[in-house]
Amino acid sequence: MPFKFEKLIVWQKAVGLSDLVNHLTKNFPKDELYVLTSQIKSAADSVSLNIAEGSTGQSNAEFARFLSIATRSDIEVVGCIHLAKRRGYIQEDNFNTIYKMCEEILVMLNSLKNSLTNKQKA
């Protein structure tokens, strides 16, 4: 793989999250197309895209900044799935699957960010 981010497991998991969200939102009502559907898909895509963008040719501080943006997008996905569940668009099992994926990605993003900031201090 020619790009550094493609080797990152957290990026691979974020792409999986985006794929799952894209699949599930196909069943959302049409009146949510430009509201919740658009919001959750954008947030899910933003996780992997910010990891990719920040990893390429940037300083550790800049990469950490992009990872912080990815973290906020990951948390936004969680907020969106709460709304989707309350509105009856996703079932409990799909909610739990996405929630767990977001938790795992969050831990990985924080670990990667901490490793970058620890390198700067050394």
PDB file of N, CA and C in Angstrom:
ATOM      1  N   MET A   1       0.852  -1.187   0.000  1.00  0.00           N
ATOM      2  CA  MET A   1       0.000   0.000   0.000  1.00  0.00           C
ATOM      3  C   MET A   1       0.893   1.244   0.000  1.00  0.00           C
ATOM      4  N   PRO A   2       0.641   2.135  -0.908  1.00  0.00           N
ATOM      5  CA  PRO A   2       1.549   3.274  -1.044  1.00  0.00           C
ATOM      6  C   PRO A   2       1.335   4.406  -0.033  1.00  0.00           C
ATOM      7  N   PHE A   3       0.189   4.493   0.572  1.00  0.00           N
ATOM      8  CA  PHE A   3      -0.084   5.589   1.495  1.00  0.00           C
ATOM      9  C   PHE A   3      -0.021   5.094   2.937  1.00  0.00           C
ATOM     10  N   LYS A   4       0.588   5.896   3.780  1.00  0.00           N
ATOM     11  CA  LYS A   4       0.790   5.538   5.186  1.00  0.00           C
ATOM     12  C   LYS A   4      -0.531   5.204   5.898  1.00  0.00           C
ATOM     13  N   PHE A   5      -1.572   5.981   5.638  1.00  0.00           N
ATOM     14  CA  PHE A   5      -2.841   5.793   6.352  1.00  0.00           C
ATOM     15  C   PHE A   5      -3.493   4.455   6.052  1.00  0.00           C
ATOM     16  N   GLU A   6      -3.226   3.894   4.876  1.00  0.00           N
ATOM     17  CA  GLU A   6      -3.863   2.631   4.491  1.00  0.00           C
ATOM     18  C   GLU A   6      -3.417   1.477   5.388  1.00  0.00           C
ATOM     19  N   LYS A   7      -2.263   1.627   6.022  1.00  0.00           N
ATOM     20  CA  LYS A   7      -1.750   0.596   6.918  1.00  0.00           C
ATOM     21  C   LYS A   7      -2.320   0.716   8.326  1.00  0.00           C
ATOM     22  N   LEU A   8      -2.947   1.837   8.629  1.00  0.00           N
ATOM     23  CA  LEU A   8      -3.476   2.064   9.972  1.00  0.00           C
ATOM     24  C   LEU A   8      -4.771   1.276  10.181  1.00  0.00           C
ATOM     25  N   ILE A   9      -4.786   0.445  11.201  1.00  0.00           N
ATOM     26  CA  ILE A   9      -5.982  -0.355  11.494  1.00  0.00           C
ATOM     27  C   ILE A   9      -7.165   0.554  11.821  1.00  0.00           C
ATOM     28  N   VAL A  10      -6.904   1.663  12.492  1.00  0.00           N
ATOM     29  CA  VAL A  10      -7.992   2.575  12.833  1.00  0.00           C
ATOM     30  C   VAL A  10      -8.627   3.149  11.567  1.00  0.00           C
ATOM     31  N   TRP A  11      -7.832   3.414  10.548  1.00  0.00           N
ATOM     32  CA  TRP A  11      -8.394   3.903   9.277  1.00  0.00           C
ATOM     33  C   TRP A  11      -9.250   2.804   8.641  1.00  0.00           C
ATOM     34  N   GLN A  12      -8.752   1.572   8.643  1.00  0.00           N
ATOM     35  CA  GLN A  12      -9.491   0.451   8.066  1.00  0.00           C
ATOM     36  C   GLN A  12     -10.834   0.254   8.775  1.00  0.00           C
ATOM     37  N   LYS A  13     -10.818   0.365  10.094  1.00  0.00           N
ATOM     38  CA  LYS A  13     -12.060   0.233  10.863  1.00  0.00           C
ATOM     39  C   LYS A  13     -13.012   1.397  10.580  1.00  0.00           C
ATOM     40  N   ALA A  14     -12.456   2.584  10.403  1.00  0.00           N
ATOM     41  CA  ALA A  14     -13.286   3.758  10.098  1.00  0.00           C
ATOM     42  C   ALA A  14     -13.957   3.603   8.738  1.00  0.00           C
ATOM     43  N   VAL A  15     -13.261   3.026   7.778  1.00  0.00           N
ATOM     44  CA  VAL A  15     -13.866   2.766   6.469  1.00  0.00           C
ATOM     45  C   VAL A  15     -14.999   1.747   6.612  1.00  0.00           C
ATOM     46  N   GLY A  16     -14.792   0.748   7.454  1.00  0.00           N
ATOM     47  CA  GLY A  16     -15.848  -0.225   7.721  1.00  0.00           C
ATOM     48  C   GLY A  16     -17.069   0.422   8.357  1.00  0.00           C
ATOM     49  N   LEU A  17     -16.838   1.347   9.274  1.00  0.00           N
ATOM     50  CA  LEU A  17     -17.936   2.089   9.886  1.00  0.00           C
ATOM     51  C   LEU A  17     -18.711   2.853   8.828  1.00  0.00           C
ATOM     52  N   SER A  18     -17.990   3.523   7.956  1.00  0.00           N
ATOM     53  CA  SER A  18     -18.624   4.297   6.894  1.00  0.00           C
ATOM     54  C   SER A  18     -19.462   3.404   5.978  1.00  0.00           C
ATOM     55  N   ASP A  19     -18.927   2.237   5.645  1.00  0.00           N
ATOM     56  CA  ASP A  19     -19.670   1.286   4.804  1.00  0.00           C
ATOM     57  C   ASP A  19     -20.962   0.843   5.479  1.00  0.00           C
ATOM     58  N   LEU A  20     -20.882   0.524   6.766  1.00  0.00           N
ATOM     59  CA  LEU A  20     -22.065   0.069   7.498  1.00  0.00           C
ATOM     60  C   LEU A  20     -23.113   1.176   7.592  1.00  0.00           C
ATOM     61  N   VAL A  21     -22.679   2.383   7.916  1.00  0.00           N
ATOM     62  CA  VAL A  21     -23.608   3.512   8.006  1.00  0.00           C
ATOM     63  C   VAL A  21     -24.269   3.758   6.651  1.00  0.00           C
ATOM     64  N   ASN A  22     -23.490   3.715   5.595  1.00  0.00           N
ATOM     65  CA  ASN A  22     -24.046   3.919   4.258  1.00  0.00           C
ATOM     66  C   ASN A  22     -25.111   2.872   3.938  1.00  0.00           C
ATOM     67  N   HIS A  23     -24.833   1.626   4.293  1.00  0.00           N
ATOM     68  CA  HIS A  23     -25.788   0.544   4.052  1.00  0.00           C
ATOM     69  C   HIS A  23     -27.080   0.749   4.860  1.00  0.00           C
ATOM     70  N   LEU A  24     -26.939   1.071   6.137  1.00  0.00           N
ATOM     71  CA  LEU A  24     -28.113   1.210   6.998  1.00  0.00           C
ATOM     72  C   LEU A  24     -28.975   2.416   6.635  1.00  0.00           C
ATOM     73  N   THR A  25     -28.351   3.495   6.189  1.00  0.00           N
ATOM     74  CA  THR A  25     -29.136   4.698   5.887  1.00  0.00           C
ATOM     75  C   THR A  25     -29.968   4.556   4.618  1.00  0.00           C
ATOM     76  N   LYS A  26     -29.718   3.527   3.838  1.00  0.00           N
ATOM     77  CA  LYS A  26     -30.547   3.293   2.648  1.00  0.00           C
ATOM     78  C   LYS A  26     -31.996   3.020   3.039  1.00  0.00           C
ATOM     79  N   ASN A  27     -32.219   2.602   4.291  1.00  0.00           N
ATOM     80  CA  ASN A  27     -33.566   2.310   4.781  1.00  0.00           C
ATOM     81  C   ASN A  27     -34.197   3.478   5.531  1.00  0.00           C
ATOM     82  N   PHE A  28     -33.473   4.580   5.684  1.00  0.00           N
ATOM     83  CA  PHE A  28     -34.047   5.750   6.355  1.00  0.00           C
ATOM     84  C   PHE A  28     -35.134   6.362   5.470  1.00  0.00           C
ATOM     85  N   PRO A  29     -36.113   7.018   6.079  1.00  0.00           N
ATOM     86  CA  PRO A  29     -37.177   7.649   5.287  1.00  0.00           C
ATOM     87  C   PRO A  29     -36.610   8.726   4.356  1.00  0.00           C
ATOM     88  N   LYS A  30     -37.263   8.903   3.232  1.00  0.00           N
ATOM     89  CA  LYS A  30     -36.825   9.888   2.235  1.00  0.00           C
ATOM     90  C   LYS A  30     -36.833  11.309   2.798  1.00  0.00           C
ATOM     91  N   ASP A  31     -37.736  11.604   3.736  1.00  0.00           N
ATOM     92  CA  ASP A  31     -37.773  12.963   4.290  1.00  0.00           C
ATOM     93  C   ASP A  31     -36.573  13.255   5.199  1.00  0.00           C
ATOM     94  N   GLU A  32     -35.760  12.248   5.494  1.00  0.00           N
ATOM     95  CA  GLU A  32     -34.537  12.443   6.271  1.00  0.00           C
ATOM     96  C   GLU A  32     -33.297  12.563   5.371  1.00  0.00           C
ATOM     97  N   LEU A  33     -33.484  12.467   4.053  1.00  0.00           N
ATOM     98  CA  LEU A  33     -32.358  12.444   3.128  1.00  0.00           C
ATOM     99  C   LEU A  33     -31.398  13.606   3.335  1.00  0.00           C
ATOM    100  N   TYR A  34     -31.928  14.812   3.485  1.00  0.00           N
ATOM    101  CA  TYR A  34     -31.070  15.997   3.629  1.00  0.00           C
ATOM    102  C   TYR A  34     -30.897  16.424   5.082  1.00  0.00           C
ATOM    103  N   VAL A  35     -31.326  15.551   5.991  1.00  0.00           N
ATOM    104  CA  VAL A  35     -31.207  15.868   7.407  1.00  0.00           C
ATOM    105  C   VAL A  35     -30.334  14.784   8.048  1.00  0.00           C
ATOM    106  N   LEU A  36     -30.938  13.850   8.737  1.00  0.00           N
ATOM    107  CA  LEU A  36     -30.181  12.849   9.498  1.00  0.00           C
ATOM    108  C   LEU A  36     -29.354  11.926   8.599  1.00  0.00           C
ATOM    109  N   THR A  37     -29.900  11.515   7.475  1.00  0.00           N
ATOM    110  CA  THR A  37     -29.152  10.634   6.568  1.00  0.00           C
ATOM    111  C   THR A  37     -27.860  11.298   6.118  1.00  0.00           C
ATOM    112  N   SER A  38     -27.985  12.515   5.659  1.00  0.00           N
ATOM    113  CA  SER A  38     -26.810  13.264   5.203  1.00  0.00           C
ATOM    114  C   SER A  38     -25.822  13.492   6.344  1.00  0.00           C
ATOM    115  N   GLN A  39     -26.337  13.820   7.509  1.00  0.00           N
ATOM    116  CA  GLN A  39     -25.488  14.128   8.674  1.00  0.00           C
ATOM    117  C   GLN A  39     -24.680  12.920   9.126  1.00  0.00           C
ATOM    118  N   ILE A  40     -25.331  11.783   9.270  1.00  0.00           N
ATOM    119  CA  ILE A  40     -24.624  10.600   9.777  1.00  0.00           C
ATOM    120  C   ILE A  40     -23.628  10.077   8.747  1.00  0.00           C
ATOM    121  N   LYS A  41     -24.004  10.119   7.457  1.00  0.00           N
ATOM    122  CA  LYS A  41     -23.074   9.662   6.425  1.00  0.00           C
ATOM    123  C   LYS A  41     -21.854  10.573   6.358  1.00  0.00           C
ATOM    124  N   SER A  42     -22.073  11.853   6.454  1.00  0.00           N
ATOM    125  CA  SER A  42     -20.969  12.812   6.434  1.00  0.00           C
ATOM    126  C   SER A  42     -20.042  12.609   7.630  1.00  0.00           C
ATOM    127  N   ALA A  43     -20.624  12.426   8.804  1.00  0.00           N
ATOM    128  CA  ALA A  43     -19.827  12.219  10.013  1.00  0.00           C
ATOM    129  C   ALA A  43     -19.021  10.925   9.912  1.00  0.00           C
ATOM    130  N   ALA A  44     -19.643   9.852   9.459  1.00  0.00           N
ATOM    131  CA  ALA A  44     -18.944   8.566   9.335  1.00  0.00           C
ATOM    132  C   ALA A  44     -17.809   8.660   8.323  1.00  0.00           C
ATOM    133  N   ASP A  45     -18.062   9.289   7.190  1.00  0.00           N
ATOM    134  CA  ASP A  45     -17.014   9.458   6.184  1.00  0.00           C
ATOM    135  C   ASP A  45     -15.879  10.322   6.712  1.00  0.00           C
ATOM    136  N   SER A  46     -16.210  11.317   7.503  1.00  0.00           N
ATOM    137  CA  SER A  46     -15.231  12.256   8.026  1.00  0.00           C
ATOM    138  C   SER A  46     -14.186  11.584   8.912  1.00  0.00           C
ATOM    139  N   VAL A  47     -14.559  10.507   9.571  1.00  0.00           N
ATOM    140  CA  VAL A  47     -13.606   9.822  10.449  1.00  0.00           C
ATOM    141  C   VAL A  47     -12.414   9.328   9.624  1.00  0.00           C
ATOM    142  N   SER A  48     -12.694   8.522   8.609  1.00  0.00           N
ATOM    143  CA  SER A  48     -11.593   7.967   7.802  1.00  0.00           C
ATOM    144  C   SER A  48     -10.903   9.040   6.969  1.00  0.00           C
ATOM    145  N   LEU A  49     -11.652  10.003   6.478  1.00  0.00           N
ATOM    146  CA  LEU A  49     -11.052  11.038   5.636  1.00  0.00           C
ATOM    147  C   LEU A  49     -10.089  11.926   6.419  1.00  0.00           C
ATOM    148  N   ASN A  50     -10.408  12.229   7.659  1.00  0.00           N
ATOM    149  CA  ASN A  50      -9.499  13.045   8.471  1.00  0.00           C
ATOM    150  C   ASN A  50      -8.255  12.260   8.893  1.00  0.00           C
ATOM    151  N   ILE A  51      -8.402  10.977   9.121  1.00  0.00           N
ATOM    152  CA  ILE A  51      -7.229  10.154   9.409  1.00  0.00           C
ATOM    153  C   ILE A  51      -6.297  10.173   8.195  1.00  0.00           C
ATOM    154  N   ALA A  52      -6.875   9.964   7.023  1.00  0.00           N
ATOM    155  CA  ALA A  52      -6.077   9.942   5.799  1.00  0.00           C
ATOM    156  C   ALA A  52      -5.400  11.289   5.553  1.00  0.00           C
ATOM    157  N   GLU A  53      -6.174  12.351   5.608  1.00  0.00           N
ATOM    158  CA  GLU A  53      -5.626  13.677   5.314  1.00  0.00           C
ATOM    159  C   GLU A  53      -4.519  14.062   6.292  1.00  0.00           C
ATOM    160  N   GLY A  54      -4.721  13.793   7.548  1.00  0.00           N
ATOM    161  CA  GLY A  54      -3.748  14.186   8.559  1.00  0.00           C
ATOM    162  C   GLY A  54      -2.466  13.383   8.523  1.00  0.00           C
ATOM    163  N   SER A  55      -2.520  12.173   8.000  1.00  0.00           N
ATOM    164  CA  SER A  55      -1.353  11.294   8.042  1.00  0.00           C
ATOM    165  C   SER A  55      -0.301  11.605   6.993  1.00  0.00           C
ATOM    166  N   THR A  56      -0.679  12.330   5.976  1.00  0.00           N
ATOM    167  CA  THR A  56       0.186  12.462   4.811  1.00  0.00           C
ATOM    168  C   THR A  56       0.977  13.756   4.827  1.00  0.00           C
ATOM    169  N   GLY A  57       2.266  13.620   5.068  1.00  0.00           N
ATOM    170  CA  GLY A  57       3.176  14.745   4.957  1.00  0.00           C
ATOM    171  C   GLY A  57       3.005  15.840   5.991  1.00  0.00           C
ATOM    172  N   GLN A  58       2.414  15.514   7.093  1.00  0.00           N
ATOM    173  CA  GLN A  58       2.166  16.506   8.130  1.00  0.00           C
ATOM    174  C   GLN A  58       3.090  16.249   9.316  1.00  0.00           C
ATOM    175  N   SER A  59       3.231  17.239  10.162  1.00  0.00           N
ATOM    176  CA  SER A  59       3.948  17.050  11.423  1.00  0.00           C
ATOM    177  C   SER A  59       3.072  16.216  12.359  1.00  0.00           C
ATOM    178  N   ASN A  60       3.677  15.710  13.415  1.00  0.00           N
ATOM    179  CA  ASN A  60       2.902  14.959  14.412  1.00  0.00           C
ATOM    180  C   ASN A  60       1.810  15.824  15.024  1.00  0.00           C
ATOM    181  N   ALA A  61       2.114  17.099  15.259  1.00  0.00           N
ATOM    182  CA  ALA A  61       1.117  18.010  15.842  1.00  0.00           C
ATOM    183  C   ALA A  61      -0.063  18.192  14.885  1.00  0.00           C
ATOM    184  N   GLU A  62       0.232  18.321  13.609  1.00  0.00           N
ATOM    185  CA  GLU A  62      -0.832  18.493  12.624  1.00  0.00           C
ATOM    186  C   GLU A  62      -1.650  17.207  12.487  1.00  0.00           C
ATOM    187  N   PHE A  63      -0.983  16.066  12.478  1.00  0.00           N
ATOM    188  CA  PHE A  63      -1.684  14.786  12.413  1.00  0.00           C
ATOM    189  C   PHE A  63      -2.595  14.636  13.630  1.00  0.00           C
ATOM    190  N   ALA A  64      -2.094  14.991  14.807  1.00  0.00           N
ATOM    191  CA  ALA A  64      -2.899  14.910  16.038  1.00  0.00           C
ATOM    192  C   ALA A  64      -4.132  15.801  15.938  1.00  0.00           C
ATOM    193  N   ARG A  65      -3.985  16.961  15.296  1.00  0.00           N
ATOM    194  CA  ARG A  65      -5.127  17.862  15.117  1.00  0.00           C
ATOM    195  C   ARG A  65      -6.204  17.197  14.244  1.00  0.00           C
ATOM    196  N   PHE A  66      -5.783  16.545  13.168  1.00  0.00           N
ATOM    197  CA  PHE A  66      -6.739  15.853  12.305  1.00  0.00           C
ATOM    198  C   PHE A  66      -7.377  14.668  13.026  1.00  0.00           C
ATOM    199  N   LEU A  67      -6.616  13.998  13.879  1.00  0.00           N
ATOM    200  CA  LEU A  67      -7.176  12.894  14.662  1.00  0.00           C
ATOM    201  C   LEU A  67      -8.225  13.402  15.649  1.00  0.00           C
ATOM    202  N   SER A  68      -8.035  14.610  16.151  1.00  0.00           N
ATOM    203  CA  SER A  68      -9.046  15.216  17.035  1.00  0.00           C
ATOM    204  C   SER A  68     -10.336  15.481  16.267  1.00  0.00           C
ATOM    205  N   ILE A  69     -10.211  15.918  15.030  1.00  0.00           N
ATOM    206  CA  ILE A  69     -11.397  16.136  14.191  1.00  0.00           C
ATOM    207  C   ILE A  69     -12.082  14.798  13.919  1.00  0.00           C
ATOM    208  N   ALA A  70     -11.289  13.768  13.629  1.00  0.00           N
ATOM    209  CA  ALA A  70     -11.847  12.430  13.402  1.00  0.00           C
ATOM    210  C   ALA A  70     -12.582  11.935  14.648  1.00  0.00           C
ATOM    211  N   THR A  71     -12.021  12.229  15.803  1.00  0.00           N
ATOM    212  CA  THR A  71     -12.652  11.837  17.073  1.00  0.00           C
ATOM    213  C   THR A  71     -14.012  12.498  17.227  1.00  0.00           C
ATOM    214  N   ARG A  72     -14.071  13.786  16.946  1.00  0.00           N
ATOM    215  CA  ARG A  72     -15.354  14.495  17.064  1.00  0.00           C
ATOM    216  C   ARG A  72     -16.382  13.935  16.081  1.00  0.00           C
ATOM    217  N   SER A  73     -15.939  13.574  14.887  1.00  0.00           N
ATOM    218  CA  SER A  73     -16.855  12.982  13.905  1.00  0.00           C
ATOM    219  C   SER A  73     -17.347  11.620  14.373  1.00  0.00           C
ATOM    220  N   ASP A  74     -16.467  10.832  14.969  1.00  0.00           N
ATOM    221  CA  ASP A  74     -16.834   9.526  15.506  1.00  0.00           C
ATOM    222  C   ASP A  74     -17.931   9.679  16.564  1.00  0.00           C
ATOM    223  N   ILE A  75     -17.761  10.654  17.436  1.00  0.00           N
ATOM    224  CA  ILE A  75     -18.747  10.910  18.489  1.00  0.00           C
ATOM    225  C   ILE A  75     -20.052  11.435  17.886  1.00  0.00           C
ATOM    226  N   GLU A  76     -19.940  12.194  16.811  1.00  0.00           N
ATOM    227  CA  GLU A  76     -21.139  12.678  16.124  1.00  0.00           C
ATOM    228  C   GLU A  76     -21.954  11.512  15.570  1.00  0.00           C
ATOM    229  N   VAL A  77     -21.281  10.490  15.064  1.00  0.00           N
ATOM    230  CA  VAL A  77     -21.987   9.295  14.583  1.00  0.00           C
ATOM    231  C   VAL A  77     -22.803   8.692  15.723  1.00  0.00           C
ATOM    232  N   VAL A  78     -22.234   8.636  16.913  1.00  0.00           N
ATOM    233  CA  VAL A  78     -22.953   8.088  18.072  1.00  0.00           C
ATOM    234  C   VAL A  78     -24.201   8.926  18.364  1.00  0.00           C
ATOM    235  N   GLY A  79     -24.057  10.239  18.312  1.00  0.00           N
ATOM    236  CA  GLY A  79     -25.228  11.097  18.515  1.00  0.00           C
ATOM    237  C   GLY A  79     -26.299  10.836  17.468  1.00  0.00           C
ATOM    238  N   CYS A  80     -25.883  10.645  16.244  1.00  0.00           N
ATOM    239  CA  CYS A  80     -26.834  10.388  15.153  1.00  0.00           C
ATOM    240  C   CYS A  80     -27.552   9.056  15.317  1.00  0.00           C
ATOM    241  N   ILE A  81     -26.821   8.019  15.766  1.00  0.00           N
ATOM    242  CA  ILE A  81     -27.501   6.728  15.903  1.00  0.00           C
ATOM    243  C   ILE A  81     -28.489   6.741  17.059  1.00  0.00           C
ATOM    244  N   HIS A  82     -28.227   7.565  18.069  1.00  0.00           N
ATOM    245  CA  HIS A  82     -29.228   7.717  19.133  1.00  0.00           C
ATOM    246  C   HIS A  82     -30.514   8.300  18.553  1.00  0.00           C
ATOM    247  N   LEU A  83     -30.379   9.325  17.724  1.00  0.00           N
ATOM    248  CA  LEU A  83     -31.562   9.921  17.087  1.00  0.00           C
ATOM    249  C   LEU A  83     -32.252   8.913  16.182  1.00  0.00           C
ATOM    250  N   ALA A  84     -31.470   8.188  15.389  1.00  0.00           N
ATOM    251  CA  ALA A  84     -32.044   7.213  14.460  1.00  0.00           C
ATOM    252  C   ALA A  84     -32.798   6.119  15.208  1.00  0.00           C
ATOM    253  N   LYS A  85     -32.255   5.682  16.322  1.00  0.00           N
ATOM    254  CA  LYS A  85     -32.929   4.646  17.119  1.00  0.00           C
ATOM    255  C   LYS A  85     -34.223   5.188  17.727  1.00  0.00           C
ATOM    256  N   ARG A  86     -34.157   6.398  18.271  1.00  0.00           N
ATOM    257  CA  ARG A  86     -35.358   7.006  18.877  1.00  0.00           C
ATOM    258  C   ARG A  86     -36.461   7.222  17.853  1.00  0.00           C
ATOM    259  N   ARG A  87     -36.064   7.490  16.612  1.00  0.00           N
ATOM    260  CA  ARG A  87     -37.046   7.712  15.544  1.00  0.00           C
ATOM    261  C   ARG A  87     -37.491   6.422  14.870  1.00  0.00           C
ATOM    262  N   GLY A  88     -36.935   5.307  15.297  1.00  0.00           N
ATOM    263  CA  GLY A  88     -37.348   4.004  14.770  1.00  0.00           C
ATOM    264  C   GLY A  88     -36.721   3.644  13.436  1.00  0.00           C
ATOM    265  N   TYR A  89     -35.597   4.250  13.082  1.00  0.00           N
ATOM    266  CA  TYR A  89     -34.954   3.987  11.791  1.00  0.00           C
ATOM    267  C   TYR A  89     -33.969   2.829  11.864  1.00  0.00           C
ATOM    268  N   ILE A  90     -33.427   2.566  13.052  1.00  0.00           N
ATOM    269  CA  ILE A  90     -32.518   1.431  13.213  1.00  0.00           C
ATOM    270  C   ILE A  90     -32.946   0.609  14.424  1.00  0.00           C
ATOM    271  N   GLN A  91     -32.669  -0.670  14.344  1.00  0.00           N
ATOM    272  CA  GLN A  91     -33.003  -1.590  15.421  1.00  0.00           C
ATOM    273  C   GLN A  91     -31.876  -1.605  16.458  1.00  0.00           C
ATOM    274  N   GLU A  92     -32.185  -2.161  17.604  1.00  0.00           N
ATOM    275  CA  GLU A  92     -31.236  -2.227  18.717  1.00  0.00           C
ATOM    276  C   GLU A  92     -29.925  -2.904  18.323  1.00  0.00           C
ATOM    277  N   ASP A  93     -29.999  -4.004  17.568  1.00  0.00           N
ATOM    278  CA  ASP A  93     -28.766  -4.718  17.206  1.00  0.00           C
ATOM    279  C   ASP A  93     -27.864  -3.870  16.313  1.00  0.00           C
ATOM    280  N   ASN A  94     -28.441  -3.136  15.368  1.00  0.00           N
ATOM    281  CA  ASN A  94     -27.640  -2.249  14.518  1.00  0.00           C
ATOM    282  C   ASN A  94     -27.079  -1.079  15.330  1.00  0.00           C
ATOM    283  N   PHE A  95     -27.877  -0.559  16.232  1.00  0.00           N
ATOM    284  CA  PHE A  95     -27.407   0.501  17.121  1.00  0.00           C
ATOM    285  C   PHE A  95     -26.184   0.015  17.899  1.00  0.00           C
ATOM    286  N   ASN A  96     -26.296  -1.164  18.503  1.00  0.00           N
ATOM    287  CA  ASN A  96     -25.213  -1.705  19.320  1.00  0.00           C
ATOM    288  C   ASN A  96     -23.952  -1.968  18.496  1.00  0.00           C
ATOM    289  N   THR A  97     -24.125  -2.458  17.276  1.00  0.00           N
ATOM    290  CA  THR A  97     -22.981  -2.727  16.400  1.00  0.00           C
ATOM    291  C   THR A  97     -22.226  -1.436  16.088  1.00  0.00           C
ATOM    292  N   ILE A  98     -22.955  -0.416  15.682  1.00  0.00           N
ATOM    293  CA  ILE A  98     -22.309   0.857  15.345  1.00  0.00           C
ATOM    294  C   ILE A  98     -21.714   1.497  16.588  1.00  0.00           C
ATOM    295  N   TYR A  99     -22.429   1.438  17.687  1.00  0.00           N
ATOM    296  CA  TYR A  99     -21.939   2.011  18.942  1.00  0.00           C
ATOM    297  C   TYR A  99     -20.597   1.390  19.331  1.00  0.00           C
ATOM    298  N   LYS A 100     -20.529   0.063  19.264  1.00  0.00           N
ATOM    299  CA  LYS A 100     -19.285  -0.635  19.617  1.00  0.00           C
ATOM    300  C   LYS A 100     -18.163  -0.292  18.654  1.00  0.00           C
ATOM    301  N   MET A 101     -18.480  -0.179  17.374  1.00  0.00           N
ATOM    302  CA  MET A 101     -17.468   0.220  16.399  1.00  0.00           C
ATOM    303  C   MET A 101     -16.934   1.615  16.730  1.00  0.00           C
ATOM    304  N   CYS A 102     -17.827   2.523  17.062  1.00  0.00           N
ATOM    305  CA  CYS A 102     -17.423   3.892  17.403  1.00  0.00           C
ATOM    306  C   CYS A 102     -16.575   3.918  18.663  1.00  0.00           C
ATOM    307  N   GLU A 103     -16.936   3.102  19.644  1.00  0.00           N
ATOM    308  CA  GLU A 103     -16.138   3.015  20.875  1.00  0.00           C
ATOM    309  C   GLU A 103     -14.723   2.529  20.568  1.00  0.00           C
ATOM    310  N   GLU A 104     -14.637   1.494  19.773  1.00  0.00           N
ATOM    311  CA  GLU A 104     -13.336   0.926  19.425  1.00  0.00           C
ATOM    312  C   GLU A 104     -12.484   1.939  18.646  1.00  0.00           C
ATOM    313  N   ILE A 105     -13.100   2.606  17.700  1.00  0.00           N
ATOM    314  CA  ILE A 105     -12.391   3.617  16.914  1.00  0.00           C
ATOM    315  C   ILE A 105     -11.936   4.758  17.819  1.00  0.00           C
ATOM    316  N   LEU A 106     -12.775   5.162  18.748  1.00  0.00           N
ATOM    317  CA  LEU A 106     -12.419   6.235  19.681  1.00  0.00           C
ATOM    318  C   LEU A 106     -11.168   5.883  20.485  1.00  0.00           C
ATOM    319  N   VAL A 107     -11.126   4.681  21.012  1.00  0.00           N
ATOM    320  CA  VAL A 107      -9.967   4.237  21.789  1.00  0.00           C
ATOM    321  C   VAL A 107      -8.712   4.247  20.910  1.00  0.00           C
ATOM    322  N   MET A 108      -8.847   3.761  19.696  1.00  0.00           N
ATOM    323  CA  MET A 108      -7.698   3.704  18.785  1.00  0.00           C
ATOM    324  C   MET A 108      -7.231   5.102  18.384  1.00  0.00           C
ATOM    325  N   LEU A 109      -8.165   5.993  18.122  1.00  0.00           N
ATOM    326  CA  LEU A 109      -7.797   7.372  17.780  1.00  0.00           C
ATOM    327  C   LEU A 109      -7.059   8.039  18.930  1.00  0.00           C
ATOM    328  N   ASN A 110      -7.570   7.863  20.142  1.00  0.00           N
ATOM    329  CA  ASN A 110      -6.920   8.453  21.313  1.00  0.00           C
ATOM    330  C   ASN A 110      -5.528   7.869  21.536  1.00  0.00           C
ATOM    331  N   SER A 111      -5.378   6.575  21.342  1.00  0.00           N
ATOM    332  CA  SER A 111      -4.065   5.940  21.501  1.00  0.00           C
ATOM    333  C   SER A 111      -3.081   6.454  20.461  1.00  0.00           C
ATOM    334  N   LEU A 112      -3.533   6.563  19.229  1.00  0.00           N
ATOM    335  CA  LEU A 112      -2.661   7.066  18.166  1.00  0.00           C
ATOM    336  C   LEU A 112      -2.272   8.515  18.433  1.00  0.00           C
ATOM    337  N   LYS A 113      -3.251   9.310  18.836  1.00  0.00           N
ATOM    338  CA  LYS A 113      -2.965  10.717  19.140  1.00  0.00           C
ATOM    339  C   LYS A 113      -1.985  10.840  20.305  1.00  0.00           C
ATOM    340  N   ASN A 114      -2.175  10.042  21.348  1.00  0.00           N
ATOM    341  CA  ASN A 114      -1.253  10.059  22.494  1.00  0.00           C
ATOM    342  C   ASN A 114       0.151   9.636  22.087  1.00  0.00           C
ATOM    343  N   SER A 115       0.252   8.672  21.198  1.00  0.00           N
ATOM    344  CA  SER A 115       1.590   8.231  20.759  1.00  0.00           C
ATOM    345  C   SER A 115       2.277   9.348  19.972  1.00  0.00           C
ATOM    346  N   LEU A 116       1.526  10.129  19.240  1.00  0.00           N
ATOM    347  CA  LEU A 116       2.110  11.233  18.479  1.00  0.00           C
ATOM    348  C   LEU A 116       2.581  12.346  19.417  1.00  0.00           C
ATOM    349  N   THR A 117       1.779  12.649  20.417  1.00  0.00           N
ATOM    350  CA  THR A 117       2.154  13.728  21.330  1.00  0.00           C
ATOM    351  C   THR A 117       3.305  13.291  22.237  1.00  0.00           C
ATOM    352  N   ASN A 118       3.381  12.001  22.565  1.00  0.00           N
ATOM    353  CA  ASN A 118       4.508  11.497  23.366  1.00  0.00           C
ATOM    354  C   ASN A 118       5.806  11.555  22.574  1.00  0.00           C
ATOM    355  N   LYS A 119       5.739  11.344  21.262  1.00  0.00           N
ATOM    356  CA  LYS A 119       6.925  11.448  20.414  1.00  0.00           C
ATOM    357  C   LYS A 119       7.446  12.884  20.387  1.00  0.00           C
ATOM    358  N   GLN A 120       6.522  13.834  20.424  1.00  0.00           N
ATOM    359  CA  GLN A 120       6.921  15.241  20.404  1.00  0.00           C
ATOM    360  C   GLN A 120       7.638  15.629  21.691  1.00  0.00           C
ATOM    361  N   LYS A 121       7.227  15.035  22.801  1.00  0.00           N
ATOM    362  CA  LYS A 121       7.812  15.370  24.099  1.00  0.00           C
ATOM    363  C   LYS A 121       9.201  14.739  24.273  1.00  0.00           C
ATOM    364  N   ALA A 122       9.443  13.651  23.550  1.00  0.00           N
ATOM    365  CA  ALA A 122      10.729  12.938  23.690  1.00  0.00           C
ATOM    366  C   ALA A 122      11.863  13.643  22.974  1.00  0.00           C
TER     367      ALA A 122
END
